[in-house]
């Protein structure tokens, strides 16, 4: 959309940035035990930093930012073995995210 920070970013770079930020925000949300406020604050922080960088330098998300976000996302995925902050139940089952019931983890 014209006039937004996103319109100033190369589309492939923006797509990769979105994928990486989705992993990071998922970890923030899961680590906060489903607390939306933590994810909202993290998202706002990303928006502020990219907006300020866009105003000061003219490029809100360059190669460095995309690489950094993807590196953090990969580290989080590897370090948590893909669980991104989800905690396993005491009996080895994975808590279901939708209704609070548990299902057997594979």
PDB file of N, CA and C in Angstrom:
ATOM      1  N   UNK A   1       0.853  -1.165   0.000  1.00  0.00           N
ATOM      2  CA  UNK A   1       0.000   0.000   0.000  1.00  0.00           C
ATOM      3  C   UNK A   1       0.907   1.239   0.000  1.00  0.00           C
ATOM      4  N   UNK A   2       0.667   2.113  -0.927  1.00  0.00           N
ATOM      5  CA  UNK A   2       1.491   3.310  -1.070  1.00  0.00           C
ATOM      6  C   UNK A   2       1.450   4.154   0.202  1.00  0.00           C
ATOM      7  N   UNK A   3       2.606   4.695   0.542  1.00  0.00           N
ATOM      8  CA  UNK A   3       2.688   5.566   1.709  1.00  0.00           C
ATOM      9  C   UNK A   3       2.997   4.846   3.007  1.00  0.00           C
ATOM     10  N   UNK A   4       3.154   3.525   2.965  1.00  0.00           N
ATOM     11  CA  UNK A   4       3.477   2.766   4.173  1.00  0.00           C
ATOM     12  C   UNK A   4       4.945   2.363   4.149  1.00  0.00           C
ATOM     13  N   UNK A   5       5.452   2.006   5.300  1.00  0.00           N
ATOM     14  CA  UNK A   5       6.837   1.532   5.392  1.00  0.00           C
ATOM     15  C   UNK A   5       7.016   0.279   4.538  1.00  0.00           C
ATOM     16  N   UNK A   6       6.015  -0.599   4.539  1.00  0.00           N
ATOM     17  CA  UNK A   6       6.121  -1.857   3.805  1.00  0.00           C
ATOM     18  C   UNK A   6       6.288  -1.611   2.304  1.00  0.00           C
ATOM     19  N   UNK A   7       5.715  -0.544   1.788  1.00  0.00           N
ATOM     20  CA  UNK A   7       5.818  -0.274   0.348  1.00  0.00           C
ATOM     21  C   UNK A   7       7.236   0.123  -0.059  1.00  0.00           C
ATOM     22  N   UNK A   8       8.056   0.478   0.903  1.00  0.00           N
ATOM     23  CA  UNK A   8       9.428   0.885   0.613  1.00  0.00           C
ATOM     24  C   UNK A   8      10.406  -0.282   0.628  1.00  0.00           C
ATOM     25  N   UNK A   9       9.919  -1.470   1.003  1.00  0.00           N
ATOM     26  CA  UNK A   9      10.793  -2.635   1.127  1.00  0.00           C
ATOM     27  C   UNK A   9      10.620  -3.520  -0.100  1.00  0.00           C
ATOM     28  N   UNK A  10      11.726  -4.051  -0.597  1.00  0.00           N
ATOM     29  CA  UNK A  10      11.720  -5.018  -1.683  1.00  0.00           C
ATOM     30  C   UNK A  10      10.825  -6.196  -1.286  1.00  0.00           C
ATOM     31  N   UNK A  11       9.915  -6.651  -2.184  1.00  0.00           N
ATOM     32  CA  UNK A  11       8.942  -7.673  -1.811  1.00  0.00           C
ATOM     33  C   UNK A  11       9.566  -8.977  -1.315  1.00  0.00           C
ATOM     34  N   UNK A  12      10.555  -9.564  -2.011  1.00  0.00           N
ATOM     35  CA  UNK A  12      11.145 -10.800  -1.476  1.00  0.00           C
ATOM     36  C   UNK A  12      11.748 -10.601  -0.079  1.00  0.00           C
ATOM     37  N   UNK A  13      12.394  -9.463   0.142  1.00  0.00           N
ATOM     38  CA  UNK A  13      12.947  -9.175   1.465  1.00  0.00           C
ATOM     39  C   UNK A  13      11.834  -9.039   2.489  1.00  0.00           C
ATOM     40  N   UNK A  14      10.739  -8.396   2.108  1.00  0.00           N
ATOM     41  CA  UNK A  14       9.600  -8.234   3.011  1.00  0.00           C
ATOM     42  C   UNK A  14       8.977  -9.578   3.349  1.00  0.00           C
ATOM     43  N   UNK A  15       8.851 -10.451   2.352  1.00  0.00           N
ATOM     44  CA  UNK A  15       8.276 -11.779   2.587  1.00  0.00           C
ATOM     45  C   UNK A  15       9.146 -12.578   3.556  1.00  0.00           C
ATOM     46  N   UNK A  16      10.461 -12.549   3.362  1.00  0.00           N
ATOM     47  CA  UNK A  16      11.371 -13.252   4.276  1.00  0.00           C
ATOM     48  C   UNK A  16      11.312 -12.646   5.678  1.00  0.00           C
ATOM     49  N   UNK A  17      11.218 -11.333   5.742  1.00  0.00           N
ATOM     50  CA  UNK A  17      11.106 -10.653   7.028  1.00  0.00           C
ATOM     51  C   UNK A  17       9.835 -11.084   7.753  1.00  0.00           C
ATOM     52  N   UNK A  18       8.743 -11.183   7.025  1.00  0.00           N
ATOM     53  CA  UNK A  18       7.466 -11.619   7.626  1.00  0.00           C
ATOM     54  C   UNK A  18       7.560 -13.037   8.164  1.00  0.00           C
ATOM     55  N   UNK A  19       8.207 -13.929   7.420  1.00  0.00           N
ATOM     56  CA  UNK A  19       8.354 -15.317   7.877  1.00  0.00           C
ATOM     57  C   UNK A  19       9.182 -15.356   9.159  1.00  0.00           C
ATOM     58  N   UNK A  20      10.303 -14.655   9.161  1.00  0.00           N
ATOM     59  CA  UNK A  20      11.150 -14.636  10.353  1.00  0.00           C
ATOM     60  C   UNK A  20      10.457 -14.018  11.551  1.00  0.00           C
ATOM     61  N   UNK A  21       9.765 -12.901  11.322  1.00  0.00           N
ATOM     62  CA  UNK A  21       9.063 -12.244  12.429  1.00  0.00           C
ATOM     63  C   UNK A  21       7.900 -13.089  12.950  1.00  0.00           C
ATOM     64  N   UNK A  22       7.288 -13.880  12.086  1.00  0.00           N
ATOM     65  CA  UNK A  22       6.220 -14.777  12.531  1.00  0.00           C
ATOM     66  C   UNK A  22       6.762 -15.796  13.524  1.00  0.00           C
ATOM     67  N   UNK A  23       7.931 -16.330  13.257  1.00  0.00           N
ATOM     68  CA  UNK A  23       8.558 -17.291  14.181  1.00  0.00           C
ATOM     69  C   UNK A  23       8.901 -16.600  15.497  1.00  0.00           C
ATOM     70  N   UNK A  24       9.509 -15.424  15.407  1.00  0.00           N
ATOM     71  CA  UNK A  24       9.899 -14.692  16.618  1.00  0.00           C
ATOM     72  C   UNK A  24       8.667 -14.309  17.443  1.00  0.00           C
ATOM     73  N   UNK A  25       7.648 -13.772  16.788  1.00  0.00           N
ATOM     74  CA  UNK A  25       6.424 -13.373  17.505  1.00  0.00           C
ATOM     75  C   UNK A  25       5.700 -14.586  18.077  1.00  0.00           C
ATOM     76  N   UNK A  26       5.752 -15.708  17.381  1.00  0.00           N
ATOM     77  CA  UNK A  26       5.173 -16.938  17.921  1.00  0.00           C
ATOM     78  C   UNK A  26       5.863 -17.349  19.202  1.00  0.00           C
ATOM     79  N   UNK A  27       7.188 -17.222  19.224  1.00  0.00           N
ATOM     80  CA  UNK A  27       7.935 -17.546  20.441  1.00  0.00           C
ATOM     81  C   UNK A  27       7.583 -16.588  21.572  1.00  0.00           C
ATOM     82  N   UNK A  28       7.476 -15.306  21.256  1.00  0.00           N
ATOM     83  CA  UNK A  28       7.106 -14.312  22.280  1.00  0.00           C
ATOM     84  C   UNK A  28       5.734 -14.648  22.851  1.00  0.00           C
ATOM     85  N   UNK A  29       4.762 -14.918  21.985  1.00  0.00           N
ATOM     86  CA  UNK A  29       3.403 -15.247  22.412  1.00  0.00           C
ATOM     87  C   UNK A  29       3.377 -16.512  23.262  1.00  0.00           C
ATOM     88  N   UNK A  30       4.047 -17.560  22.802  1.00  0.00           N
ATOM     89  CA  UNK A  30       4.065 -18.824  23.547  1.00  0.00           C
ATOM     90  C   UNK A  30       4.805 -18.704  24.871  1.00  0.00           C
ATOM     91  N   UNK A  31       5.898 -17.958  24.885  1.00  0.00           N
ATOM     92  CA  UNK A  31       6.664 -17.783  26.121  1.00  0.00           C
ATOM     93  C   UNK A  31       5.892 -16.980  27.164  1.00  0.00           C
ATOM     94  N   UNK A  32       4.992 -16.133  26.685  1.00  0.00           N
ATOM     95  CA  UNK A  32       4.145 -15.353  27.597  1.00  0.00           C
ATOM     96  C   UNK A  32       2.883 -16.139  27.965  1.00  0.00           C
ATOM     97  N   UNK A  33       2.904 -17.440  27.665  1.00  0.00           N
ATOM     98  CA  UNK A  33       1.776 -18.339  27.965  1.00  0.00           C
ATOM     99  C   UNK A  33       0.479 -17.830  27.356  1.00  0.00           C
ATOM    100  N   UNK A  34       0.567 -17.393  26.122  1.00  0.00           N
ATOM    101  CA  UNK A  34      -0.613 -16.932  25.410  1.00  0.00           C
ATOM    102  C   UNK A  34      -0.982 -15.491  25.699  1.00  0.00           C
ATOM    103  N   UNK A  35      -0.078 -14.774  26.341  1.00  0.00           N
ATOM    104  CA  UNK A  35      -0.341 -13.374  26.652  1.00  0.00           C
ATOM    105  C   UNK A  35      -0.163 -12.506  25.412  1.00  0.00           C
ATOM    106  N   UNK A  36      -1.235 -11.911  24.970  1.00  0.00           N
ATOM    107  CA  UNK A  36      -1.202 -11.104  23.764  1.00  0.00           C
ATOM    108  C   UNK A  36      -0.406  -9.816  23.977  1.00  0.00           C
ATOM    109  N   UNK A  37      -0.420  -9.284  25.180  1.00  0.00           N
ATOM    110  CA  UNK A  37       0.252  -8.016  25.444  1.00  0.00           C
ATOM    111  C   UNK A  37       1.738  -8.077  25.086  1.00  0.00           C
ATOM    112  N   UNK A  38       2.410  -9.175  25.413  1.00  0.00           N
ATOM    113  CA  UNK A  38       3.830  -9.307  25.091  1.00  0.00           C
ATOM    114  C   UNK A  38       4.052  -9.264  23.583  1.00  0.00           C
ATOM    115  N   UNK A  39       3.197  -9.940  22.827  1.00  0.00           N
ATOM    116  CA  UNK A  39       3.322  -9.933  21.367  1.00  0.00           C
ATOM    117  C   UNK A  39       3.012  -8.553  20.791  1.00  0.00           C
ATOM    118  N   UNK A  40       2.036  -7.865  21.368  1.00  0.00           N
ATOM    119  CA  UNK A  40       1.688  -6.518  20.909  1.00  0.00           C
ATOM    120  C   UNK A  40       2.862  -5.569  21.150  1.00  0.00           C
ATOM    121  N   UNK A  41       3.471  -5.650  22.313  1.00  0.00           N
ATOM    122  CA  UNK A  41       4.616  -4.789  22.632  1.00  0.00           C
ATOM    123  C   UNK A  41       5.799  -5.104  21.722  1.00  0.00           C
ATOM    124  N   UNK A  42       6.064  -6.375  21.476  1.00  0.00           N
ATOM    125  CA  UNK A  42       7.163  -6.756  20.582  1.00  0.00           C
ATOM    126  C   UNK A  42       6.893  -6.258  19.163  1.00  0.00           C
ATOM    127  N   UNK A  43       5.669  -6.399  18.703  1.00  0.00           N
ATOM    128  CA  UNK A  43       5.305  -5.932  17.355  1.00  0.00           C
ATOM    129  C   UNK A  43       5.448  -4.414  17.256  1.00  0.00           C
ATOM    130  N   UNK A  44       5.004  -3.708  18.288  1.00  0.00           N
ATOM    131  CA  UNK A  44       5.135  -2.246  18.300  1.00  0.00           C
ATOM    132  C   UNK A  44       6.605  -1.832  18.271  1.00  0.00           C
ATOM    133  N   UNK A  45       7.436  -2.557  18.997  1.00  0.00           N
ATOM    134  CA  UNK A  45       8.866  -2.248  19.007  1.00  0.00           C
ATOM    135  C   UNK A  45       9.474  -2.420  17.618  1.00  0.00           C
ATOM    136  N   UNK A  46       9.090  -3.490  16.927  1.00  0.00           N
ATOM    137  CA  UNK A  46       9.580  -3.706  15.561  1.00  0.00           C
ATOM    138  C   UNK A  46       9.120  -2.563  14.657  1.00  0.00           C
ATOM    139  N   UNK A  47       7.859  -2.156  14.794  1.00  0.00           N
ATOM    140  CA  UNK A  47       7.335  -1.062  13.973  1.00  0.00           C
ATOM    141  C   UNK A  47       8.067   0.248  14.237  1.00  0.00           C
ATOM    142  N   UNK A  48       8.341   0.542  15.492  1.00  0.00           N
ATOM    143  CA  UNK A  48       9.039   1.784  15.837  1.00  0.00           C
ATOM    144  C   UNK A  48      10.448   1.785  15.265  1.00  0.00           C
ATOM    145  N   UNK A  49      11.165   0.686  15.461  1.00  0.00           N
ATOM    146  CA  UNK A  49      12.546   0.616  14.974  1.00  0.00           C
ATOM    147  C   UNK A  49      12.589   0.717  13.457  1.00  0.00           C
ATOM    148  N   UNK A  50      11.714  -0.016  12.758  1.00  0.00           N
ATOM    149  CA  UNK A  50      11.746   0.043  11.293  1.00  0.00           C
ATOM    150  C   UNK A  50      11.287   1.417  10.793  1.00  0.00           C
ATOM    151  N   UNK A  51      10.342   2.032  11.490  1.00  0.00           N
ATOM    152  CA  UNK A  51       9.905   3.372  11.106  1.00  0.00           C
ATOM    153  C   UNK A  51      10.991   4.403  11.287  1.00  0.00           C
ATOM    154  N   UNK A  52      11.684   4.350  12.419  1.00  0.00           N
ATOM    155  CA  UNK A  52      12.781   5.291  12.657  1.00  0.00           C
ATOM    156  C   UNK A  52      13.918   5.081  11.667  1.00  0.00           C
ATOM    157  N   UNK A  53      14.243   3.814  11.417  1.00  0.00           N
ATOM    158  CA  UNK A  53      15.312   3.532  10.461  1.00  0.00           C
ATOM    159  C   UNK A  53      14.905   4.019   9.074  1.00  0.00           C
ATOM    160  N   UNK A  54      13.649   3.813   8.717  1.00  0.00           N
ATOM    161  CA  UNK A  54      13.166   4.277   7.417  1.00  0.00           C
ATOM    162  C   UNK A  54      13.255   5.783   7.275  1.00  0.00           C
ATOM    163  N   UNK A  55      12.955   6.508   8.361  1.00  0.00           N
ATOM    164  CA  UNK A  55      13.030   7.975   8.319  1.00  0.00           C
ATOM    165  C   UNK A  55      14.474   8.461   8.276  1.00  0.00           C
ATOM    166  N   UNK A  56      15.358   7.816   9.043  1.00  0.00           N
ATOM    167  CA  UNK A  56      16.735   8.290   9.146  1.00  0.00           C
ATOM    168  C   UNK A  56      17.602   7.882   7.969  1.00  0.00           C
ATOM    169  N   UNK A  57      17.431   6.654   7.511  1.00  0.00           N
ATOM    170  CA  UNK A  57      18.317   6.120   6.484  1.00  0.00           C
ATOM    171  C   UNK A  57      17.617   5.991   5.139  1.00  0.00           C
ATOM    172  N   UNK A  58      16.304   5.834   5.164  1.00  0.00           N
ATOM    173  CA  UNK A  58      15.557   5.683   3.927  1.00  0.00           C
ATOM    174  C   UNK A  58      15.272   4.241   3.546  1.00  0.00           C
ATOM    175  N   UNK A  59      15.813   3.299   4.297  1.00  0.00           N
ATOM    176  CA  UNK A  59      15.593   1.885   4.004  1.00  0.00           C
ATOM    177  C   UNK A  59      15.141   1.196   5.299  1.00  0.00           C
ATOM    178  N   UNK A  60      13.835   0.940   5.452  1.00  0.00           N
ATOM    179  CA  UNK A  60      13.343   0.387   6.712  1.00  0.00           C
ATOM    180  C   UNK A  60      13.814  -1.031   7.002  1.00  0.00           C
ATOM    181  N   UNK A  61      14.095  -1.805   5.970  1.00  0.00           N
ATOM    182  CA  UNK A  61      14.552  -3.185   6.186  1.00  0.00           C
ATOM    183  C   UNK A  61      15.447  -3.598   5.036  1.00  0.00           C
ATOM    184  N   UNK A  62      16.734  -3.611   5.307  1.00  0.00           N
ATOM    185  CA  UNK A  62      17.702  -4.013   4.298  1.00  0.00           C
ATOM    186  C   UNK A  62      18.170  -5.432   4.528  1.00  0.00           C
ATOM    187  N   UNK A  63      19.252  -5.769   3.869  1.00  0.00           N
ATOM    188  CA  UNK A  63      19.811  -7.114   3.965  1.00  0.00           C
ATOM    189  C   UNK A  63      20.187  -7.448   5.406  1.00  0.00           C
ATOM    190  N   UNK A  64      20.750  -6.486   6.124  1.00  0.00           N
ATOM    191  CA  UNK A  64      21.155  -6.750   7.509  1.00  0.00           C
ATOM    192  C   UNK A  64      19.968  -7.132   8.373  1.00  0.00           C
ATOM    193  N   UNK A  65      18.882  -6.389   8.281  1.00  0.00           N
ATOM    194  CA  UNK A  65      17.713  -6.649   9.117  1.00  0.00           C
ATOM    195  C   UNK A  65      17.075  -7.994   8.785  1.00  0.00           C
ATOM    196  N   UNK A  66      16.957  -8.281   7.493  1.00  0.00           N
ATOM    197  CA  UNK A  66      16.361  -9.555   7.075  1.00  0.00           C
ATOM    198  C   UNK A  66      17.230 -10.710   7.563  1.00  0.00           C
ATOM    199  N   UNK A  67      18.537 -10.586   7.386  1.00  0.00           N
ATOM    200  CA  UNK A  67      19.457 -11.638   7.838  1.00  0.00           C
ATOM    201  C   UNK A  67      19.393 -11.803   9.350  1.00  0.00           C
ATOM    202  N   UNK A  68      19.346 -10.701  10.082  1.00  0.00           N
ATOM    203  CA  UNK A  68      19.298 -10.776  11.546  1.00  0.00           C
ATOM    204  C   UNK A  68      18.012 -11.451  12.027  1.00  0.00           C
ATOM    205  N   UNK A  69      16.882 -11.075  11.450  1.00  0.00           N
ATOM    206  CA  UNK A  69      15.602 -11.664  11.864  1.00  0.00           C
ATOM    207  C   UNK A  69      15.568 -13.152  11.534  1.00  0.00           C
ATOM    208  N   UNK A  70      16.028 -13.522  10.337  1.00  0.00           N
ATOM    209  CA  UNK A  70      16.034 -14.936   9.965  1.00  0.00           C
ATOM    210  C   UNK A  70      17.003 -15.742  10.821  1.00  0.00           C
ATOM    211  N   UNK A  71      18.118 -15.146  11.212  1.00  0.00           N
ATOM    212  CA  UNK A  71      19.065 -15.830  12.089  1.00  0.00           C
ATOM    213  C   UNK A  71      18.454 -16.058  13.469  1.00  0.00           C
ATOM    214  N   UNK A  72      17.820 -15.031  14.022  1.00  0.00           N
ATOM    215  CA  UNK A  72      17.163 -15.172  15.331  1.00  0.00           C
ATOM    216  C   UNK A  72      16.054 -16.223  15.249  1.00  0.00           C
ATOM    217  N   UNK A  73      15.272 -16.205  14.170  1.00  0.00           N
ATOM    218  CA  UNK A  73      14.193 -17.179  14.003  1.00  0.00           C
ATOM    219  C   UNK A  73      14.751 -18.599  13.926  1.00  0.00           C
ATOM    220  N   UNK A  74      15.823 -18.785  13.181  1.00  0.00           N
ATOM    221  CA  UNK A  74      16.434 -20.115  13.066  1.00  0.00           C
ATOM    222  C   UNK A  74      16.991 -20.580  14.403  1.00  0.00           C
ATOM    223  N   UNK A  75      17.642 -19.686  15.136  1.00  0.00           N
ATOM    224  CA  UNK A  75      18.184 -20.044  16.455  1.00  0.00           C
ATOM    225  C   UNK A  75      17.050 -20.434  17.398  1.00  0.00           C
ATOM    226  N   UNK A  76      15.964 -19.653  17.398  1.00  0.00           N
ATOM    227  CA  UNK A  76      14.821 -19.979  18.264  1.00  0.00           C
ATOM    228  C   UNK A  76      14.210 -21.322  17.895  1.00  0.00           C
ATOM    229  N   UNK A  77      14.049 -21.569  16.600  1.00  0.00           N
ATOM    230  CA  UNK A  77      13.460 -22.834  16.157  1.00  0.00           C
ATOM    231  C   UNK A  77      14.351 -24.013  16.537  1.00  0.00           C
ATOM    232  N   UNK A  78      15.654 -23.861  16.358  1.00  0.00           N
ATOM    233  CA  UNK A  78      16.574 -24.948  16.707  1.00  0.00           C
ATOM    234  C   UNK A  78      16.699 -25.128  18.216  1.00  0.00           C
ATOM    235  N   UNK A  79      16.816 -24.029  18.935  1.00  0.00           N
ATOM    236  CA  UNK A  79      17.009 -24.109  20.392  1.00  0.00           C
ATOM    237  C   UNK A  79      15.781 -24.673  21.103  1.00  0.00           C
ATOM    238  N   UNK A  80      14.604 -24.433  20.555  1.00  0.00           N
ATOM    239  CA  UNK A  80      13.380 -24.927  21.195  1.00  0.00           C
ATOM    240  C   UNK A  80      12.868 -26.194  20.512  1.00  0.00           C
ATOM    241  N   UNK A  81      13.649 -26.712  19.572  1.00  0.00           N
ATOM    242  CA  UNK A  81      13.265 -27.903  18.800  1.00  0.00           C
ATOM    243  C   UNK A  81      11.901 -27.727  18.144  1.00  0.00           C
ATOM    244  N   UNK A  82      11.652 -26.518  17.655  1.00  0.00           N
ATOM    245  CA  UNK A  82      10.420 -26.218  16.958  1.00  0.00           C
ATOM    246  C   UNK A  82       9.232 -25.895  17.842  1.00  0.00           C
ATOM    247  N   UNK A  83       9.415 -25.945  19.151  1.00  0.00           N
ATOM    248  CA  UNK A  83       8.289 -25.716  20.059  1.00  0.00           C
ATOM    249  C   UNK A  83       8.037 -24.228  20.293  1.00  0.00           C
ATOM    250  N   UNK A  84       9.022 -23.391  20.043  1.00  0.00           N
ATOM    251  CA  UNK A  84       8.884 -21.937  20.139  1.00  0.00           C
ATOM    252  C   UNK A  84       8.220 -21.482  21.436  1.00  0.00           C
ATOM    253  N   UNK A  85       8.688 -22.011  22.545  1.00  0.00           N
ATOM    254  CA  UNK A  85       8.199 -21.564  23.844  1.00  0.00           C
ATOM    255  C   UNK A  85       7.028 -22.339  24.391  1.00  0.00           C
ATOM    256  N   UNK A  86       6.449 -23.251  23.619  1.00  0.00           N
ATOM    257  CA  UNK A  86       5.360 -24.076  24.157  1.00  0.00           C
ATOM    258  C   UNK A  86       5.934 -25.052  25.167  1.00  0.00           C
ATOM    259  N   UNK A  87       5.250 -25.216  26.262  1.00  0.00           N
ATOM    260  CA  UNK A  87       5.701 -26.127  27.293  1.00  0.00           C
ATOM    261  C   UNK A  87       4.956 -27.444  27.166  1.00  0.00           C
ATOM    262  N   UNK A  88       5.673 -28.544  27.360  1.00  0.00           N
ATOM    263  CA  UNK A  88       5.043 -29.860  27.339  1.00  0.00           C
ATOM    264  C   UNK A  88       4.333 -30.089  28.665  1.00  0.00           C
ATOM    265  N   UNK A  89       3.235 -30.825  28.614  1.00  0.00           N
ATOM    266  CA  UNK A  89       2.522 -31.182  29.835  1.00  0.00           C
ATOM    267  C   UNK A  89       3.373 -32.173  30.630  1.00  0.00           C
ATOM    268  N   UNK A  90       3.102 -32.317  31.922  1.00  0.00           N
ATOM    269  CA  UNK A  90       3.875 -33.207  32.779  1.00  0.00           C
ATOM    270  C   UNK A  90       3.828 -34.655  32.313  1.00  0.00           C
ATOM    271  N   UNK A  91       2.737 -35.055  31.675  1.00  0.00           N
ATOM    272  CA  UNK A  91       2.606 -36.442  31.236  1.00  0.00           C
ATOM    273  C   UNK A  91       3.136 -36.662  29.817  1.00  0.00           C
ATOM    274  N   UNK A  92       3.843 -35.691  29.267  1.00  0.00           N
ATOM    275  CA  UNK A  92       4.440 -35.832  27.959  1.00  0.00           C
ATOM    276  C   UNK A  92       3.540 -35.413  26.816  1.00  0.00           C
ATOM    277  N   UNK A  93       2.323 -34.989  27.126  1.00  0.00           N
ATOM    278  CA  UNK A  93       1.416 -34.564  26.072  1.00  0.00           C
ATOM    279  C   UNK A  93       1.637 -33.089  25.772  1.00  0.00           C
ATOM    280  N   UNK A  94       1.282 -32.704  24.565  1.00  0.00           N
ATOM    281  CA  UNK A  94       1.423 -31.310  24.134  1.00  0.00           C
ATOM    282  C   UNK A  94       0.097 -30.606  24.366  1.00  0.00           C
ATOM    283  N   UNK A  95       0.086 -29.473  25.088  1.00  0.00           N
ATOM    284  CA  UNK A  95      -1.175 -28.759  25.291  1.00  0.00           C
ATOM    285  C   UNK A  95      -1.735 -28.251  23.969  1.00  0.00           C
ATOM    286  N   UNK A  96      -3.037 -28.408  23.794  1.00  0.00           N
ATOM    287  CA  UNK A  96      -3.689 -27.888  22.590  1.00  0.00           C
ATOM    288  C   UNK A  96      -3.832 -26.381  22.726  1.00  0.00           C
ATOM    289  N   UNK A  97      -3.631 -25.672  21.642  1.00  0.00           N
ATOM    290  CA  UNK A  97      -3.672 -24.210  21.692  1.00  0.00           C
ATOM    291  C   UNK A  97      -5.088 -23.665  21.572  1.00  0.00           C
ATOM    292  N   UNK A  98      -6.032 -24.468  21.062  1.00  0.00           N
ATOM    293  CA  UNK A  98      -7.338 -23.899  20.746  1.00  0.00           C
ATOM    294  C   UNK A  98      -8.344 -23.926  21.892  1.00  0.00           C
ATOM    295  N   UNK A  99      -8.439 -24.989  22.664  1.00  0.00           N
ATOM    296  CA  UNK A  99      -9.504 -25.063  23.648  1.00  0.00           C
ATOM    297  C   UNK A  99      -9.055 -25.473  25.047  1.00  0.00           C
ATOM    298  N   UNK A 100      -7.760 -25.544  25.276  1.00  0.00           N
ATOM    299  CA  UNK A 100      -7.263 -25.861  26.617  1.00  0.00           C
ATOM    300  C   UNK A 100      -7.145 -27.347  26.898  1.00  0.00           C
ATOM    301  N   UNK A 101      -7.732 -28.210  26.068  1.00  0.00           N
ATOM    302  CA  UNK A 101      -7.590 -29.643  26.280  1.00  0.00           C
ATOM    303  C   UNK A 101      -6.227 -30.076  25.780  1.00  0.00           C
ATOM    304  N   UNK A 102      -5.789 -31.266  26.143  1.00  0.00           N
ATOM    305  CA  UNK A 102      -4.487 -31.760  25.701  1.00  0.00           C
ATOM    306  C   UNK A 102      -4.662 -32.885  24.704  1.00  0.00           C
ATOM    307  N   UNK A 103      -3.671 -33.012  23.828  1.00  0.00           N
ATOM    308  CA  UNK A 103      -3.649 -34.098  22.862  1.00  0.00           C
ATOM    309  C   UNK A 103      -2.315 -34.803  22.979  1.00  0.00           C
ATOM    310  N   UNK A 104      -2.254 -35.999  22.506  1.00  0.00           N
ATOM    311  CA  UNK A 104      -1.004 -36.751  22.570  1.00  0.00           C
ATOM    312  C   UNK A 104      -0.046 -36.205  21.544  1.00  0.00           C
ATOM    313  N   UNK A 105       1.158 -35.846  21.979  1.00  0.00           N
ATOM    314  CA  UNK A 105       2.176 -35.323  21.064  1.00  0.00           C
ATOM    315  C   UNK A 105       2.835 -36.430  20.295  1.00  0.00           C
ATOM    316  N   UNK A 106       3.185 -36.161  19.060  1.00  0.00           N
ATOM    317  CA  UNK A 106       3.826 -37.183  18.226  1.00  0.00           C
ATOM    318  C   UNK A 106       5.314 -37.023  18.264  1.00  0.00           C
TER     319      UNK A 106
END
